[in-house]
C-alpha atoms as a PDB file:
ATOM      1  CA  UNK A   1     -13.479   1.007  -6.538  1.00  0.00           C
ATOM      2  CA  UNK A   2     -11.955   4.174  -5.441  1.00  0.00           C
ATOM      3  CA  UNK A   3     -11.294   5.747  -8.801  1.00  0.00           C
ATOM      4  CA  UNK A   4     -12.536   9.255  -7.952  1.00  0.00           C
ATOM      5  CA  UNK A   5     -10.328   9.487  -4.780  1.00  0.00           C
ATOM      6  CA  UNK A   6      -7.169  11.364  -5.352  1.00  0.00           C
ATOM      7  CA  UNK A   7      -4.071   9.419  -4.822  1.00  0.00           C
ATOM      8  CA  UNK A   8      -1.476  11.129  -2.573  1.00  0.00           C
ATOM      9  CA  UNK A   9       1.888  11.437  -4.563  1.00  0.00           C
ATOM     10  CA  UNK A  10       4.123  10.154  -1.890  1.00  0.00           C
ATOM     11  CA  UNK A  11       1.925   7.052  -1.248  1.00  0.00           C
ATOM     12  CA  UNK A  12       2.134   6.438  -5.062  1.00  0.00           C
ATOM     13  CA  UNK A  13       5.955   6.808  -4.977  1.00  0.00           C
ATOM     14  CA  UNK A  14       6.142   4.178  -2.129  1.00  0.00           C
ATOM     15  CA  UNK A  15       3.997   1.686  -3.899  1.00  0.00           C
ATOM     16  CA  UNK A  16       5.994   2.137  -6.966  1.00  0.00           C
ATOM     17  CA  UNK A  17       9.234   1.683  -5.079  1.00  0.00           C
ATOM     18  CA  UNK A  18       8.217  -1.861  -3.748  1.00  0.00           C
ATOM     19  CA  UNK A  19       9.722  -5.035  -5.264  1.00  0.00           C
ATOM     20  CA  UNK A  20       7.705  -6.636  -7.881  1.00  0.00           C
ATOM     21  CA  UNK A  21       7.119  -9.592  -5.902  1.00  0.00           C
ATOM     22  CA  UNK A  22       5.623  -7.773  -3.057  1.00  0.00           C
ATOM     23  CA  UNK A  23       3.362  -5.794  -5.333  1.00  0.00           C
ATOM     24  CA  UNK A  24       2.157  -8.969  -6.978  1.00  0.00           C
ATOM     25  CA  UNK A  25       1.390 -10.364  -3.785  1.00  0.00           C
ATOM     26  CA  UNK A  26      -1.123  -7.566  -2.881  1.00  0.00           C
ATOM     27  CA  UNK A  27      -4.776  -8.070  -3.665  1.00  0.00           C
ATOM     28  CA  UNK A  28      -6.490  -5.182  -5.496  1.00  0.00           C
ATOM     29  CA  UNK A  29      -8.124  -4.293  -2.213  1.00  0.00           C
ATOM     30  CA  UNK A  30      -4.994  -4.037  -0.437  1.00  0.00           C
ATOM     31  CA  UNK A  31      -3.496  -1.926  -3.277  1.00  0.00           C
ATOM     32  CA  UNK A  32      -6.570   0.382  -2.709  1.00  0.00           C
ATOM     33  CA  UNK A  33      -5.975   0.400   1.115  1.00  0.00           C
ATOM     34  CA  UNK A  34      -2.292   1.278   0.540  1.00  0.00           C
ATOM     35  CA  UNK A  35      -3.099   4.038  -1.669  1.00  0.00           C
ATOM     36  CA  UNK A  36      -6.110   5.512   0.157  1.00  0.00           C
ATOM     37  CA  UNK A  37      -6.920   4.323   3.602  1.00  0.00           C
ATOM     38  CA  UNK A  38      -5.979   6.220   6.685  1.00  0.00           C
ATOM     39  CA  UNK A  39      -5.448   2.948   8.671  1.00  0.00           C
ATOM     40  CA  UNK A  40      -4.374  -0.301   7.376  1.00  0.00           C
ATOM     41  CA  UNK A  41      -5.319  -3.489   8.396  1.00  0.00           C
ATOM     42  CA  UNK A  42      -2.909  -5.869  10.084  1.00  0.00           C
ATOM     43  CA  UNK A  43      -2.896  -8.109   7.193  1.00  0.00           C
ATOM     44  CA  UNK A  44      -1.276  -5.339   5.055  1.00  0.00           C
ATOM     45  CA  UNK A  45       1.223  -4.400   7.658  1.00  0.00           C
ATOM     46  CA  UNK A  46       2.448  -7.978   7.646  1.00  0.00           C
ATOM     47  CA  UNK A  47       2.911  -8.061   4.072  1.00  0.00           C
ATOM     48  CA  UNK A  48       4.841  -4.966   4.190  1.00  0.00           C
ATOM     49  CA  UNK A  49       6.510  -5.109   7.927  1.00  0.00           C
ATOM     50  CA  UNK A  50      10.301  -5.246   6.133  1.00  0.00           C
ATOM     51  CA  UNK A  51       9.522  -1.802   4.542  1.00  0.00           C
ATOM     52  CA  UNK A  52       7.932  -0.154   7.509  1.00  0.00           C
ATOM     53  CA  UNK A  53      10.075   2.125   9.426  1.00  0.00           C
ATOM     54  CA  UNK A  54       8.699   2.298  13.156  1.00  0.00           C
ATOM     55  CA  UNK A  55       9.331   5.242  15.234  1.00  0.00           C
END
């Protein structure tokens, strides 16, 4: 889908550090959003809420 977009190394490292069960629960669209989107949909925040640090 966004194969031509450059993936941020920090985002890729964050994605790689997620537990396998969480990564498996993400759809291809959600994975793409995780790696590329400037703003995530609420559904992605909900799946990842225990890993998000709020300031």
